[in-house]
Amino acid sequence: MRAPAPAGAAAFIRANTALISPPHVPEIRLHLADEAHELWHRTEDELDAIGLPPPFWAFAWAGGQGLARYVLDHPETVRGKSVLDFASGSGLVAIAAAKAGARTVLAADIDPFCAPACLLNAAANEVDIKCSQADLIGADDGWDVVLAGDVFYEKPLAARLLPWFRALHERCALVFVGDPGRSYLPGEGLVACATYSVPVTRVLEDAEVKRTTVWRVA
């Protein structure tokens, strides 16, 4: 298996995934890898050898599932608003925002495979979203709401995110984070909005269920 150039990414995604509903967000269907697909069994070194970045877009992570659930259950959070889904991956949270009535949704992720995955998944759910591969940390395009699922897993990334999220909050954007207890979640400046028990797989996580909290930057 060789990874395609991004131009062939859509066909690659279709060939190596199946349309699956994440367990905590059954209203949404995504092109995800599972045990039936070779992609699931590749180690990170093997993926690098074939030229494929780690396929975070191929899995529904706990933080994203929890945040998508919150948006669908509280559509007033995004209804009629401009929304950024940061580190979008599969586009799960962006799709939830579109289904909940957001005026515009931008799914942003620096992985070149994420935009094709997001667009395929949006089409499967009959919603319209835009995609960006730009690194938007520090940017401000006037979004009303910024959503970020499962982003506090690395210290350097967390250090870049915190001042950006706080600056967005200070100019009155709503910033929500879905987090299943990652190591670098800030210990202050967050208000818990909801907590969920999200089914996950031991292949990716250290448990079969992750306690996932949706936080609002305050």
C-alpha atoms as a PDB file:
ATOM      1  CA  MET A   1       0.000   0.000   0.000  1.00  0.00           C
ATOM      2  CA  ARG A   2       1.444   3.358  -1.036  1.00  0.00           C
ATOM      3  CA  ALA A   3      -0.041   6.656   0.114  1.00  0.00           C
ATOM      4  CA  PRO A   4      -1.288   8.824  -2.740  1.00  0.00           C
ATOM      5  CA  ALA A   5      -0.532  12.427  -3.411  1.00  0.00           C
ATOM      6  CA  PRO A   6      -3.236  14.600  -1.826  1.00  0.00           C
ATOM      7  CA  ALA A   7      -4.930  14.819  -5.229  1.00  0.00           C
ATOM      8  CA  GLY A   8      -5.671  11.087  -4.934  1.00  0.00           C
ATOM      9  CA  ALA A   9      -6.523  11.217  -1.250  1.00  0.00           C
ATOM     10  CA  ALA A  10     -10.297  10.900  -1.668  1.00  0.00           C
ATOM     11  CA  ALA A  11      -9.985   7.592  -3.503  1.00  0.00           C
ATOM     12  CA  PHE A  12      -7.421   6.385  -0.945  1.00  0.00           C
ATOM     13  CA  ILE A  13      -9.767   7.293   1.917  1.00  0.00           C
ATOM     14  CA  ARG A  14     -12.712   5.487   0.330  1.00  0.00           C
ATOM     15  CA  ALA A  15     -10.592   2.378  -0.271  1.00  0.00           C
ATOM     16  CA  ASN A  16      -9.233   2.182   3.285  1.00  0.00           C
ATOM     17  CA  THR A  17     -12.252   3.105   5.397  1.00  0.00           C
ATOM     18  CA  ALA A  18     -15.925   2.337   5.828  1.00  0.00           C
ATOM     19  CA  LEU A  19     -18.865   4.634   6.547  1.00  0.00           C
ATOM     20  CA  ILE A  20     -19.374   4.189  10.286  1.00  0.00           C
ATOM     21  CA  SER A  21     -21.350   6.074  12.932  1.00  0.00           C
ATOM     22  CA  PRO A  22     -19.221   6.926  15.986  1.00  0.00           C
ATOM     23  CA  PRO A  23     -20.854   5.322  19.041  1.00  0.00           C
ATOM     24  CA  HIS A  24     -21.441   8.590  20.908  1.00  0.00           C
ATOM     25  CA  VAL A  25     -22.711  10.459  17.835  1.00  0.00           C
ATOM     26  CA  PRO A  26     -24.892   7.978  15.916  1.00  0.00           C
ATOM     27  CA  GLU A  27     -26.531  10.772  13.898  1.00  0.00           C
ATOM     28  CA  ILE A  28     -23.309  11.248  11.932  1.00  0.00           C
ATOM     29  CA  ARG A  29     -21.555   8.859   9.539  1.00  0.00           C
ATOM     30  CA  LEU A  30     -17.827   9.112   8.849  1.00  0.00           C
ATOM     31  CA  HIS A  31     -15.267   7.359   6.681  1.00  0.00           C
ATOM     32  CA  LEU A  32     -13.348   5.632   9.490  1.00  0.00           C
ATOM     33  CA  ALA A  33     -10.822   2.819   9.703  1.00  0.00           C
ATOM     34  CA  ASP A  34     -11.787  -0.271  11.652  1.00  0.00           C
ATOM     35  CA  GLU A  35     -10.476  -3.773  12.171  1.00  0.00           C
ATOM     36  CA  ALA A  36     -11.561  -4.710   8.657  1.00  0.00           C
ATOM     37  CA  HIS A  37      -9.144  -2.263   7.057  1.00  0.00           C
ATOM     38  CA  GLU A  38      -5.381  -2.469   6.613  1.00  0.00           C
ATOM     39  CA  LEU A  39      -4.930   1.142   7.708  1.00  0.00           C
ATOM     40  CA  TRP A  40      -5.980   0.215  11.243  1.00  0.00           C
ATOM     41  CA  HIS A  41      -3.087  -2.222  11.628  1.00  0.00           C
ATOM     42  CA  ARG A  42      -0.295   0.040  10.398  1.00  0.00           C
ATOM     43  CA  THR A  43       2.179   1.305  12.987  1.00  0.00           C
ATOM     44  CA  GLU A  44       3.344   4.904  12.836  1.00  0.00           C
ATOM     45  CA  ASP A  45       6.737   3.826  11.458  1.00  0.00           C
ATOM     46  CA  GLU A  46       5.060   1.802   8.706  1.00  0.00           C
ATOM     47  CA  LEU A  47       2.839   4.737   7.805  1.00  0.00           C
ATOM     48  CA  ASP A  48       5.886   6.998   7.568  1.00  0.00           C
ATOM     49  CA  ALA A  49       7.580   4.452   5.302  1.00  0.00           C
ATOM     50  CA  ILE A  50       4.707   4.644   2.816  1.00  0.00           C
ATOM     51  CA  GLY A  51       4.540   8.433   3.014  1.00  0.00           C
ATOM     52  CA  LEU A  52       1.304   8.748   4.985  1.00  0.00           C
ATOM     53  CA  PRO A  53       1.077  11.055   8.024  1.00  0.00           C
ATOM     54  CA  PRO A  54      -0.499   9.359  11.064  1.00  0.00           C
ATOM     55  CA  PRO A  55      -4.156   9.082   9.980  1.00  0.00           C
ATOM     56  CA  PHE A  56      -5.832  10.969  12.814  1.00  0.00           C
ATOM     57  CA  TRP A  57      -8.624  11.719  10.318  1.00  0.00           C
ATOM     58  CA  ALA A  58      -9.501   8.006  10.209  1.00  0.00           C
ATOM     59  CA  PHE A  59     -10.633   7.728  13.830  1.00  0.00           C
ATOM     60  CA  ALA A  60     -13.323   9.371  15.979  1.00  0.00           C
ATOM     61  CA  TRP A  61     -11.370  10.502  19.035  1.00  0.00           C
ATOM     62  CA  ALA A  62     -13.073  10.809  22.413  1.00  0.00           C
ATOM     63  CA  GLY A  63     -12.661  14.582  22.688  1.00  0.00           C
ATOM     64  CA  GLY A  64     -14.231  15.125  19.279  1.00  0.00           C
ATOM     65  CA  GLN A  65     -17.103  12.748  19.996  1.00  0.00           C
ATOM     66  CA  GLY A  66     -17.884  14.508  23.263  1.00  0.00           C
ATOM     67  CA  LEU A  67     -17.707  17.961  21.694  1.00  0.00           C
ATOM     68  CA  ALA A  68     -19.862  16.912  18.732  1.00  0.00           C
ATOM     69  CA  ARG A  69     -22.420  15.449  21.147  1.00  0.00           C
ATOM     70  CA  TYR A  70     -22.518  18.720  23.076  1.00  0.00           C
ATOM     71  CA  VAL A  71     -23.032  20.791  19.928  1.00  0.00           C
ATOM     72  CA  LEU A  72     -25.855  18.563  18.693  1.00  0.00           C
ATOM     73  CA  ASP A  73     -27.530  18.598  22.114  1.00  0.00           C
ATOM     74  CA  HIS A  74     -27.080  22.375  22.489  1.00  0.00           C
ATOM     75  CA  PRO A  75     -27.588  23.738  18.958  1.00  0.00           C
ATOM     76  CA  GLU A  76     -27.999  27.272  20.274  1.00  0.00           C
ATOM     77  CA  THR A  77     -24.234  27.203  20.845  1.00  0.00           C
ATOM     78  CA  VAL A  78     -23.614  27.506  17.092  1.00  0.00           C
ATOM     79  CA  ARG A  79     -26.944  28.239  15.419  1.00  0.00           C
ATOM     80  CA  GLY A  80     -26.642  31.170  13.013  1.00  0.00           C
ATOM     81  CA  LYS A  81     -22.976  31.704  13.890  1.00  0.00           C
ATOM     82  CA  SER A  82     -19.631  31.441  12.117  1.00  0.00           C
ATOM     83  CA  VAL A  83     -17.716  28.457  13.459  1.00  0.00           C
ATOM     84  CA  LEU A  84     -14.107  27.292  13.297  1.00  0.00           C
ATOM     85  CA  ASP A  85     -13.454  23.609  13.995  1.00  0.00           C
ATOM     86  CA  PHE A  86      -9.747  23.623  14.827  1.00  0.00           C
ATOM     87  CA  ALA A  87      -7.666  20.436  14.327  1.00  0.00           C
ATOM     88  CA  SER A  88     -10.713  19.001  12.636  1.00  0.00           C
ATOM     89  CA  GLY A  89      -9.377  15.559  11.692  1.00  0.00           C
ATOM     90  CA  SER A  90     -12.344  13.679  10.232  1.00  0.00           C
ATOM     91  CA  GLY A  91     -14.546  16.770  10.380  1.00  0.00           C
ATOM     92  CA  LEU A  92     -16.822  15.230  13.009  1.00  0.00           C
ATOM     93  CA  VAL A  93     -17.220  18.411  15.076  1.00  0.00           C
ATOM     94  CA  ALA A  94     -17.541  20.608  11.976  1.00  0.00           C
ATOM     95  CA  ILE A  95     -20.312  18.369  10.653  1.00  0.00           C
ATOM     96  CA  ALA A  96     -22.092  18.490  14.022  1.00  0.00           C
ATOM     97  CA  ALA A  97     -21.928  22.297  13.923  1.00  0.00           C
ATOM     98  CA  ALA A  98     -23.355  22.380  10.400  1.00  0.00           C
ATOM     99  CA  LYS A  99     -26.161  19.998  11.379  1.00  0.00           C
ATOM    100  CA  ALA A 100     -26.891  22.190  14.408  1.00  0.00           C
ATOM    101  CA  GLY A 101     -27.471  25.221  12.178  1.00  0.00           C
ATOM    102  CA  ALA A 102     -24.193  27.128  12.080  1.00  0.00           C
ATOM    103  CA  ARG A 103     -24.196  29.871   9.443  1.00  0.00           C
ATOM    104  CA  THR A 104     -20.706  28.963   8.206  1.00  0.00           C
ATOM    105  CA  VAL A 105     -18.276  26.227   9.261  1.00  0.00           C
ATOM    106  CA  LEU A 106     -14.536  26.107   8.572  1.00  0.00           C
ATOM    107  CA  ALA A 107     -12.760  22.799   9.288  1.00  0.00           C
ATOM    108  CA  ALA A 108      -9.046  23.484   9.731  1.00  0.00           C
ATOM    109  CA  ASP A 109      -6.247  20.934   9.977  1.00  0.00           C
ATOM    110  CA  ILE A 110      -2.639  21.014   8.760  1.00  0.00           C
ATOM    111  CA  ASP A 111      -2.726  17.341   7.674  1.00  0.00           C
ATOM    112  CA  PRO A 112      -3.179  17.337   3.869  1.00  0.00           C
ATOM    113  CA  PHE A 113      -5.463  14.283   4.091  1.00  0.00           C
ATOM    114  CA  CYS A 114      -7.915  15.971   6.463  1.00  0.00           C
ATOM    115  CA  ALA A 115      -9.563  18.305   3.948  1.00  0.00           C
ATOM    116  CA  PRO A 116     -10.439  15.446   1.561  1.00  0.00           C
ATOM    117  CA  ALA A 117     -11.675  13.377   4.516  1.00  0.00           C
ATOM    118  CA  CYS A 118     -13.763  16.271   5.851  1.00  0.00           C
ATOM    119  CA  LEU A 119     -15.340  16.953   2.475  1.00  0.00           C
ATOM    120  CA  LEU A 120     -16.168  13.272   1.917  1.00  0.00           C
ATOM    121  CA  ASN A 121     -17.699  13.074   5.379  1.00  0.00           C
ATOM    122  CA  ALA A 122     -19.640  16.307   4.926  1.00  0.00           C
ATOM    123  CA  ALA A 123     -21.096  14.972   1.675  1.00  0.00           C
ATOM    124  CA  ALA A 124     -22.077  11.722   3.411  1.00  0.00           C
ATOM    125  CA  ASN A 125     -24.010  13.804   5.955  1.00  0.00           C
ATOM    126  CA  GLU A 126     -25.454  16.248   3.404  1.00  0.00           C
ATOM    127  CA  VAL A 127     -23.965  19.357   4.984  1.00  0.00           C
ATOM    128  CA  ASP A 128     -21.772  22.121   3.579  1.00  0.00           C
ATOM    129  CA  ILE A 129     -18.450  23.027   5.188  1.00  0.00           C
ATOM    130  CA  LYS A 130     -15.258  24.735   4.038  1.00  0.00           C
ATOM    131  CA  CYS A 131     -11.750  23.416   4.724  1.00  0.00           C
ATOM    132  CA  SER A 132      -8.329  24.938   5.369  1.00  0.00           C
ATOM    133  CA  GLN A 133      -4.877  23.367   5.650  1.00  0.00           C
ATOM    134  CA  ALA A 134      -3.394  26.554   7.108  1.00  0.00           C
ATOM    135  CA  ASP A 135      -1.952  26.664  10.615  1.00  0.00           C
ATOM    136  CA  LEU A 136      -4.498  29.045  12.125  1.00  0.00           C
ATOM    137  CA  ILE A 137      -3.027  29.272  15.620  1.00  0.00           C
ATOM    138  CA  GLY A 138      -2.838  32.982  16.381  1.00  0.00           C
ATOM    139  CA  ALA A 139      -5.226  33.930  13.579  1.00  0.00           C
ATOM    140  CA  ASP A 140      -8.585  35.602  14.079  1.00  0.00           C
ATOM    141  CA  ASP A 141     -11.030  35.771  11.222  1.00  0.00           C
ATOM    142  CA  GLY A 142     -13.844  36.941  13.460  1.00  0.00           C
ATOM    143  CA  TRP A 143     -15.325  33.518  14.208  1.00  0.00           C
ATOM    144  CA  ASP A 144     -18.199  33.588  16.665  1.00  0.00           C
ATOM    145  CA  VAL A 145     -17.387  30.107  17.967  1.00  0.00           C
ATOM    146  CA  VAL A 146     -14.167  28.079  18.002  1.00  0.00           C
ATOM    147  CA  LEU A 147     -14.401  24.339  18.641  1.00  0.00           C
ATOM    148  CA  ALA A 148     -11.388  22.136  19.406  1.00  0.00           C
ATOM    149  CA  GLY A 149     -11.611  18.414  20.108  1.00  0.00           C
ATOM    150  CA  ASP A 150      -8.743  16.545  21.757  1.00  0.00           C
ATOM    151  CA  VAL A 151      -5.953  19.099  21.281  1.00  0.00           C
ATOM    152  CA  PHE A 152      -4.060  19.057  24.594  1.00  0.00           C
ATOM    153  CA  TYR A 153      -2.013  15.905  23.998  1.00  0.00           C
ATOM    154  CA  GLU A 154       1.388  17.583  23.478  1.00  0.00           C
ATOM    155  CA  LYS A 155       3.101  20.221  25.617  1.00  0.00           C
ATOM    156  CA  PRO A 156       4.415  22.380  22.714  1.00  0.00           C
ATOM    157  CA  LEU A 157       0.981  22.479  21.080  1.00  0.00           C
ATOM    158  CA  ALA A 158      -0.727  23.305  24.367  1.00  0.00           C
ATOM    159  CA  ALA A 159       1.706  26.173  24.915  1.00  0.00           C
ATOM    160  CA  ARG A 160       0.724  27.664  21.543  1.00  0.00           C
ATOM    161  CA  LEU A 161      -3.003  27.100  21.982  1.00  0.00           C
ATOM    162  CA  LEU A 162      -3.539  28.651  25.398  1.00  0.00           C
ATOM    163  CA  PRO A 163      -2.720  32.293  24.538  1.00  0.00           C
ATOM    164  CA  TRP A 164      -4.653  32.023  21.268  1.00  0.00           C
ATOM    165  CA  PHE A 165      -7.759  30.623  22.922  1.00  0.00           C
ATOM    166  CA  ARG A 166      -7.591  33.293  25.624  1.00  0.00           C
ATOM    167  CA  ALA A 167      -7.204  36.081  23.057  1.00  0.00           C
ATOM    168  CA  LEU A 168     -10.243  34.791  21.160  1.00  0.00           C
ATOM    169  CA  HIS A 169     -12.220  34.663  24.400  1.00  0.00           C
ATOM    170  CA  GLU A 170     -11.176  38.194  25.331  1.00  0.00           C
ATOM    171  CA  ARG A 171     -12.656  39.568  22.125  1.00  0.00           C
ATOM    172  CA  CYS A 172     -15.912  37.677  22.953  1.00  0.00           C
ATOM    173  CA  ALA A 173     -15.607  34.549  20.829  1.00  0.00           C
ATOM    174  CA  LEU A 174     -16.953  31.384  22.444  1.00  0.00           C
ATOM    175  CA  VAL A 175     -14.210  28.746  22.658  1.00  0.00           C
ATOM    176  CA  PHE A 176     -15.092  25.153  23.524  1.00  0.00           C
ATOM    177  CA  VAL A 177     -12.689  22.249  24.040  1.00  0.00           C
ATOM    178  CA  GLY A 178     -13.544  18.551  24.178  1.00  0.00           C
ATOM    179  CA  ASP A 179     -11.000  16.689  26.297  1.00  0.00           C
ATOM    180  CA  PRO A 180     -10.795  13.124  27.689  1.00  0.00           C
ATOM    181  CA  GLY A 181      -8.212  13.912  30.352  1.00  0.00           C
ATOM    182  CA  ARG A 182      -5.148  14.610  28.202  1.00  0.00           C
ATOM    183  CA  SER A 183      -1.961  15.458  30.062  1.00  0.00           C
ATOM    184  CA  TYR A 184      -1.662  19.115  29.054  1.00  0.00           C
ATOM    185  CA  LEU A 185      -5.215  20.324  29.605  1.00  0.00           C
ATOM    186  CA  PRO A 186      -4.945  23.658  31.467  1.00  0.00           C
ATOM    187  CA  GLY A 187      -5.712  23.526  35.152  1.00  0.00           C
ATOM    188  CA  GLU A 188      -7.467  26.898  35.192  1.00  0.00           C
ATOM    189  CA  GLY A 189      -9.409  29.263  32.965  1.00  0.00           C
ATOM    190  CA  LEU A 190     -11.938  26.625  31.887  1.00  0.00           C
ATOM    191  CA  VAL A 191     -15.567  26.041  32.848  1.00  0.00           C
ATOM    192  CA  ALA A 192     -17.036  22.545  32.549  1.00  0.00           C
ATOM    193  CA  CYS A 193     -20.168  22.444  30.384  1.00  0.00           C
ATOM    194  CA  ALA A 194     -20.882  18.707  30.180  1.00  0.00           C
ATOM    195  CA  THR A 195     -19.237  15.358  30.854  1.00  0.00           C
ATOM    196  CA  TYR A 196     -19.786  12.163  28.864  1.00  0.00           C
ATOM    197  CA  SER A 197     -18.681   8.539  28.962  1.00  0.00           C
ATOM    198  CA  VAL A 198     -17.459   7.994  25.406  1.00  0.00           C
ATOM    199  CA  PRO A 199     -16.859   4.485  24.026  1.00  0.00           C
ATOM    200  CA  VAL A 200     -13.424   4.169  22.418  1.00  0.00           C
ATOM    201  CA  THR A 201     -11.105   1.377  21.330  1.00  0.00           C
ATOM    202  CA  ARG A 202      -8.158   0.041  23.298  1.00  0.00           C
ATOM    203  CA  VAL A 203      -6.091   0.042  20.117  1.00  0.00           C
ATOM    204  CA  LEU A 204      -6.033   3.857  20.327  1.00  0.00           C
ATOM    205  CA  GLU A 205      -6.662   4.538  23.999  1.00  0.00           C
ATOM    206  CA  ASP A 206      -5.909   2.958  27.362  1.00  0.00           C
ATOM    207  CA  ALA A 207      -9.538   2.091  28.078  1.00  0.00           C
ATOM    208  CA  GLU A 208     -12.800   1.107  26.407  1.00  0.00           C
ATOM    209  CA  VAL A 209     -14.603   4.187  27.752  1.00  0.00           C
ATOM    210  CA  LYS A 210     -13.103   7.654  28.217  1.00  0.00           C
ATOM    211  CA  ARG A 211     -14.618  10.208  30.586  1.00  0.00           C
ATOM    212  CA  THR A 212     -14.745  13.259  28.332  1.00  0.00           C
ATOM    213  CA  THR A 213     -15.530  16.802  29.397  1.00  0.00           C
ATOM    214  CA  VAL A 214     -16.560  19.730  27.234  1.00  0.00           C
ATOM    215  CA  TRP A 215     -14.934  22.895  28.565  1.00  0.00           C
ATOM    216  CA  ARG A 216     -15.572  26.550  27.753  1.00  0.00           C
ATOM    217  CA  VAL A 217     -12.661  28.964  27.914  1.00  0.00           C
ATOM    218  CA  ALA A 218     -13.496  31.595  30.521  1.00  0.00           C
END
